[in-house]
C-alpha atoms as a PDB file:
ATOM      1  CA  UNK A   1      22.044 -65.067  28.354  1.00  0.00           C
ATOM      2  CA  UNK A   2      18.826 -65.066  26.382  1.00  0.00           C
ATOM      3  CA  UNK A   3      16.880 -61.892  25.646  1.00  0.00           C
ATOM      4  CA  UNK A   4      13.575 -61.757  27.402  1.00  0.00           C
ATOM      5  CA  UNK A   5      12.380 -58.288  26.394  1.00  0.00           C
ATOM      6  CA  UNK A   6      12.479 -56.462  23.071  1.00  0.00           C
ATOM      7  CA  UNK A   7      11.808 -52.870  22.022  1.00  0.00           C
ATOM      8  CA  UNK A   8      13.821 -52.950  18.748  1.00  0.00           C
ATOM      9  CA  UNK A   9      10.530 -53.313  16.968  1.00  0.00           C
ATOM     10  CA  UNK A  10       7.139 -53.939  18.708  1.00  0.00           C
ATOM     11  CA  UNK A  11       7.360 -54.585  22.449  1.00  0.00           C
ATOM     12  CA  UNK A  12       7.852 -58.295  22.908  1.00  0.00           C
ATOM     13  CA  UNK A  13       8.383 -60.652  25.753  1.00  0.00           C
ATOM     14  CA  UNK A  14       9.870 -64.130  25.749  1.00  0.00           C
ATOM     15  CA  UNK A  15       7.051 -66.509  26.622  1.00  0.00           C
ATOM     16  CA  UNK A  16       7.354 -70.299  26.335  1.00  0.00           C
ATOM     17  CA  UNK A  17      10.518 -70.001  24.275  1.00  0.00           C
ATOM     18  CA  UNK A  18       9.081 -67.550  21.722  1.00  0.00           C
ATOM     19  CA  UNK A  19       9.107 -63.826  21.462  1.00  0.00           C
ATOM     20  CA  UNK A  20       5.419 -62.798  21.844  1.00  0.00           C
ATOM     21  CA  UNK A  21       3.954 -59.524  20.800  1.00  0.00           C
ATOM     22  CA  UNK A  22       0.427 -60.096  22.154  1.00  0.00           C
ATOM     23  CA  UNK A  23       1.246 -60.798  25.782  1.00  0.00           C
ATOM     24  CA  UNK A  24      -0.841 -57.880  27.201  1.00  0.00           C
ATOM     25  CA  UNK A  25      -3.016 -54.982  26.237  1.00  0.00           C
ATOM     26  CA  UNK A  26      -1.504 -52.326  23.976  1.00  0.00           C
ATOM     27  CA  UNK A  27      -1.236 -49.837  26.846  1.00  0.00           C
ATOM     28  CA  UNK A  28       0.429 -52.274  29.170  1.00  0.00           C
ATOM     29  CA  UNK A  29       3.037 -52.980  26.410  1.00  0.00           C
ATOM     30  CA  UNK A  30       3.522 -49.243  25.986  1.00  0.00           C
ATOM     31  CA  UNK A  31       4.197 -48.759  29.659  1.00  0.00           C
ATOM     32  CA  UNK A  32       6.661 -51.627  29.683  1.00  0.00           C
ATOM     33  CA  UNK A  33       8.360 -50.283  26.517  1.00  0.00           C
ATOM     34  CA  UNK A  34       8.919 -46.892  28.175  1.00  0.00           C
ATOM     35  CA  UNK A  35      10.348 -48.541  31.292  1.00  0.00           C
ATOM     36  CA  UNK A  36      12.605 -50.778  29.218  1.00  0.00           C
ATOM     37  CA  UNK A  37      14.393 -47.710  27.842  1.00  0.00           C
ATOM     38  CA  UNK A  38      15.789 -46.996  31.283  1.00  0.00           C
ATOM     39  CA  UNK A  39      16.095 -50.306  33.200  1.00  0.00           C
ATOM     40  CA  UNK A  40      16.766 -50.002  36.919  1.00  0.00           C
ATOM     41  CA  UNK A  41      16.261 -46.249  36.877  1.00  0.00           C
ATOM     42  CA  UNK A  42      13.247 -44.548  38.379  1.00  0.00           C
ATOM     43  CA  UNK A  43      11.285 -42.551  35.824  1.00  0.00           C
ATOM     44  CA  UNK A  44       8.956 -39.852  37.067  1.00  0.00           C
ATOM     45  CA  UNK A  45       5.255 -40.539  36.679  1.00  0.00           C
ATOM     46  CA  UNK A  46       4.795 -37.479  34.408  1.00  0.00           C
ATOM     47  CA  UNK A  47       7.650 -38.636  32.211  1.00  0.00           C
ATOM     48  CA  UNK A  48       6.087 -42.129  31.813  1.00  0.00           C
ATOM     49  CA  UNK A  49       2.794 -40.398  30.847  1.00  0.00           C
ATOM     50  CA  UNK A  50       4.710 -38.402  28.207  1.00  0.00           C
ATOM     51  CA  UNK A  51       6.319 -41.585  26.929  1.00  0.00           C
ATOM     52  CA  UNK A  52       2.995 -43.482  26.634  1.00  0.00           C
ATOM     53  CA  UNK A  53       0.075 -41.078  25.894  1.00  0.00           C
ATOM     54  CA  UNK A  54       0.466 -39.330  22.553  1.00  0.00           C
ATOM     55  CA  UNK A  55      -0.472 -35.624  22.205  1.00  0.00           C
ATOM     56  CA  UNK A  56      -3.819 -36.396  20.626  1.00  0.00           C
ATOM     57  CA  UNK A  57      -4.766 -38.712  23.539  1.00  0.00           C
ATOM     58  CA  UNK A  58      -6.247 -37.602  26.822  1.00  0.00           C
ATOM     59  CA  UNK A  59      -3.743 -38.419  29.608  1.00  0.00           C
ATOM     60  CA  UNK A  60      -5.047 -40.131  32.619  1.00  0.00           C
ATOM     61  CA  UNK A  61      -6.630 -37.827  35.234  1.00  0.00           C
ATOM     62  CA  UNK A  62      -4.878 -39.692  38.073  1.00  0.00           C
ATOM     63  CA  UNK A  63      -1.591 -40.806  36.459  1.00  0.00           C
ATOM     64  CA  UNK A  64      -0.110 -42.510  39.485  1.00  0.00           C
ATOM     65  CA  UNK A  65      -3.257 -44.587  40.024  1.00  0.00           C
ATOM     66  CA  UNK A  66      -3.414 -45.523  36.360  1.00  0.00           C
ATOM     67  CA  UNK A  67       0.227 -46.510  36.325  1.00  0.00           C
ATOM     68  CA  UNK A  68      -0.359 -48.510  39.523  1.00  0.00           C
ATOM     69  CA  UNK A  69      -2.991 -50.517  37.579  1.00  0.00           C
ATOM     70  CA  UNK A  70      -0.657 -51.206  34.690  1.00  0.00           C
ATOM     71  CA  UNK A  71       2.176 -52.121  37.041  1.00  0.00           C
ATOM     72  CA  UNK A  72      -0.191 -54.679  38.674  1.00  0.00           C
ATOM     73  CA  UNK A  73      -0.947 -56.144  35.258  1.00  0.00           C
ATOM     74  CA  UNK A  74       2.762 -56.335  34.395  1.00  0.00           C
ATOM     75  CA  UNK A  75       3.582 -57.931  37.733  1.00  0.00           C
ATOM     76  CA  UNK A  76       0.892 -60.556  37.043  1.00  0.00           C
ATOM     77  CA  UNK A  77       2.360 -61.367  33.652  1.00  0.00           C
ATOM     78  CA  UNK A  78       5.840 -61.485  35.085  1.00  0.00           C
ATOM     79  CA  UNK A  79       4.745 -63.751  37.903  1.00  0.00           C
ATOM     80  CA  UNK A  80       2.725 -66.051  35.651  1.00  0.00           C
ATOM     81  CA  UNK A  81       5.672 -66.507  33.399  1.00  0.00           C
ATOM     82  CA  UNK A  82       8.439 -66.746  35.970  1.00  0.00           C
ATOM     83  CA  UNK A  83      10.088 -63.587  34.776  1.00  0.00           C
ATOM     84  CA  UNK A  84      12.876 -62.323  37.147  1.00  0.00           C
ATOM     85  CA  UNK A  85      11.497 -58.731  36.941  1.00  0.00           C
ATOM     86  CA  UNK A  86       9.922 -56.297  39.366  1.00  0.00           C
ATOM     87  CA  UNK A  87       7.931 -53.178  38.558  1.00  0.00           C
ATOM     88  CA  UNK A  88       6.805 -50.549  41.082  1.00  0.00           C
ATOM     89  CA  UNK A  89       5.190 -47.172  41.139  1.00  0.00           C
ATOM     90  CA  UNK A  90       5.861 -44.808  43.998  1.00  0.00           C
ATOM     91  CA  UNK A  91       6.156 -41.084  44.799  1.00  0.00           C
ATOM     92  CA  UNK A  92       9.529 -41.029  43.032  1.00  0.00           C
ATOM     93  CA  UNK A  93       8.115 -42.543  39.882  1.00  0.00           C
ATOM     94  CA  UNK A  94       8.117 -45.880  38.153  1.00  0.00           C
ATOM     95  CA  UNK A  95      10.889 -48.425  38.378  1.00  0.00           C
ATOM     96  CA  UNK A  96      11.511 -51.547  36.343  1.00  0.00           C
ATOM     97  CA  UNK A  97      14.116 -53.778  38.115  1.00  0.00           C
ATOM     98  CA  UNK A  98      15.519 -56.161  35.526  1.00  0.00           C
ATOM     99  CA  UNK A  99      18.875 -57.665  34.579  1.00  0.00           C
ATOM    100  CA  UNK A 100      19.787 -55.308  31.743  1.00  0.00           C
ATOM    101  CA  UNK A 101      21.180 -57.978  29.376  1.00  0.00           C
ATOM    102  CA  UNK A 102      17.671 -59.440  29.156  1.00  0.00           C
ATOM    103  CA  UNK A 103      16.692 -56.384  27.025  1.00  0.00           C
ATOM    104  CA  UNK A 104      17.463 -56.400  23.284  1.00  0.00           C
ATOM    105  CA  UNK A 105      18.767 -52.834  23.027  1.00  0.00           C
ATOM    106  CA  UNK A 106      21.137 -53.332  25.964  1.00  0.00           C
ATOM    107  CA  UNK A 107      22.415 -56.644  24.521  1.00  0.00           C
ATOM    108  CA  UNK A 108      22.814 -54.949  21.130  1.00  0.00           C
ATOM    109  CA  UNK A 109      25.095 -52.335  22.709  1.00  0.00           C
ATOM    110  CA  UNK A 110      27.088 -54.957  24.678  1.00  0.00           C
ATOM    111  CA  UNK A 111      27.530 -57.040  21.554  1.00  0.00           C
ATOM    112  CA  UNK A 112      28.697 -54.080  19.519  1.00  0.00           C
ATOM    113  CA  UNK A 113      31.148 -53.165  22.302  1.00  0.00           C
ATOM    114  CA  UNK A 114      32.523 -56.759  22.066  1.00  0.00           C
ATOM    115  CA  UNK A 115      32.817 -56.391  18.224  1.00  0.00           C
ATOM    116  CA  UNK A 116      34.815 -53.159  18.590  1.00  0.00           C
ATOM    117  CA  UNK A 117      37.161 -54.780  21.188  1.00  0.00           C
ATOM    118  CA  UNK A 118      37.705 -57.719  18.910  1.00  0.00           C
ATOM    119  CA  UNK A 119      38.422 -55.434  15.945  1.00  0.00           C
ATOM    120  CA  UNK A 120      40.925 -53.466  18.026  1.00  0.00           C
ATOM    121  CA  UNK A 121      42.618 -56.767  18.946  1.00  0.00           C
ATOM    122  CA  UNK A 122      42.912 -57.573  15.189  1.00  0.00           C
ATOM    123  CA  UNK A 123      40.352 -60.328  15.342  1.00  0.00           C
ATOM    124  CA  UNK A 124      38.383 -58.990  12.399  1.00  0.00           C
ATOM    125  CA  UNK A 125      36.449 -62.158  11.445  1.00  0.00           C
ATOM    126  CA  UNK A 126      35.163 -62.643  14.983  1.00  0.00           C
ATOM    127  CA  UNK A 127      34.327 -58.892  15.280  1.00  0.00           C
ATOM    128  CA  UNK A 128      32.261 -59.183  12.094  1.00  0.00           C
ATOM    129  CA  UNK A 129      30.308 -62.158  13.547  1.00  0.00           C
ATOM    130  CA  UNK A 130      29.636 -60.234  16.745  1.00  0.00           C
ATOM    131  CA  UNK A 131      28.439 -57.133  14.839  1.00  0.00           C
ATOM    132  CA  UNK A 132      26.177 -59.261  12.666  1.00  0.00           C
ATOM    133  CA  UNK A 133      24.678 -60.836  15.857  1.00  0.00           C
ATOM    134  CA  UNK A 134      23.959 -57.357  17.169  1.00  0.00           C
ATOM    135  CA  UNK A 135      22.344 -56.115  13.920  1.00  0.00           C
ATOM    136  CA  UNK A 136      20.140 -59.242  13.828  1.00  0.00           C
ATOM    137  CA  UNK A 137      18.482 -58.074  17.141  1.00  0.00           C
ATOM    138  CA  UNK A 138      16.749 -55.325  15.134  1.00  0.00           C
ATOM    139  CA  UNK A 139      13.278 -56.485  14.279  1.00  0.00           C
ATOM    140  CA  UNK A 140      11.657 -53.264  13.101  1.00  0.00           C
ATOM    141  CA  UNK A 141      11.491 -49.624  14.015  1.00  0.00           C
ATOM    142  CA  UNK A 142      12.500 -49.281  17.717  1.00  0.00           C
ATOM    143  CA  UNK A 143       9.691 -48.569  20.088  1.00  0.00           C
ATOM    144  CA  UNK A 144       7.188 -49.302  17.392  1.00  0.00           C
ATOM    145  CA  UNK A 145       4.339 -49.323  19.858  1.00  0.00           C
ATOM    146  CA  UNK A 146       4.976 -45.733  21.028  1.00  0.00           C
ATOM    147  CA  UNK A 147       4.053 -42.692  18.979  1.00  0.00           C
ATOM    148  CA  UNK A 148       5.027 -39.860  21.294  1.00  0.00           C
ATOM    149  CA  UNK A 149       7.633 -37.092  21.198  1.00  0.00           C
ATOM    150  CA  UNK A 150       9.768 -38.797  23.840  1.00  0.00           C
ATOM    151  CA  UNK A 151       9.685 -42.128  21.957  1.00  0.00           C
ATOM    152  CA  UNK A 152      10.494 -40.434  18.678  1.00  0.00           C
ATOM    153  CA  UNK A 153      13.467 -38.638  20.317  1.00  0.00           C
ATOM    154  CA  UNK A 154      14.730 -41.858  21.837  1.00  0.00           C
ATOM    155  CA  UNK A 155      14.238 -43.709  18.506  1.00  0.00           C
ATOM    156  CA  UNK A 156      16.086 -40.967  16.527  1.00  0.00           C
ATOM    157  CA  UNK A 157      18.957 -40.871  19.058  1.00  0.00           C
ATOM    158  CA  UNK A 158      19.252 -44.710  19.069  1.00  0.00           C
ATOM    159  CA  UNK A 159      19.241 -45.044  15.318  1.00  0.00           C
ATOM    160  CA  UNK A 160      21.924 -42.390  14.884  1.00  0.00           C
ATOM    161  CA  UNK A 161      24.181 -43.482  17.698  1.00  0.00           C
ATOM    162  CA  UNK A 162      23.740 -47.272  17.613  1.00  0.00           C
ATOM    163  CA  UNK A 163      22.069 -48.589  14.513  1.00  0.00           C
ATOM    164  CA  UNK A 164      23.830 -46.592  11.783  1.00  0.00           C
ATOM    165  CA  UNK A 165      27.307 -47.102  13.330  1.00  0.00           C
ATOM    166  CA  UNK A 166      26.660 -50.848  13.719  1.00  0.00           C
ATOM    167  CA  UNK A 167      25.690 -51.142  10.077  1.00  0.00           C
ATOM    168  CA  UNK A 168      28.777 -49.172   9.020  1.00  0.00           C
ATOM    169  CA  UNK A 169      30.854 -51.510  11.154  1.00  0.00           C
ATOM    170  CA  UNK A 170      29.395 -54.560   9.392  1.00  0.00           C
ATOM    171  CA  UNK A 171      30.031 -53.236   5.875  1.00  0.00           C
ATOM    172  CA  UNK A 172      33.493 -51.838   6.622  1.00  0.00           C
END
């Protein structure tokens, strides 16, 4: 399965066979980045605002309405590009419905899990190839478009629990 969304660097989307970073406004990309951290899980509106609007920025006065507008823009991009994704905003929060393996950080984790299984089976050469494939998914600092405390916490946790161990796996 090909990756369609990336947050291991700037927020990118697969368009016309290429990963594109300029597919929408910066804020729309930020909203999508926040939702991609928790695919198929409803995120409260206030939490999405915390993910997207930095401390020095004025948060939207009507967050739900603002997120409805960004969701509509995202739906239009998804529809225009035949992306099998749905985004909604409701009383319970924001929800991105997507096949998780379409997201780079999810594929990274699955590929590393395969590498560990192969190593445990004694198939070290194949395990190394899988681990290298996972490491190559990293394009830059994760969530590079987001400069909030929530994003920094996710980034730090991800680097410590996924990126560093993957690199140790590759060199071991």
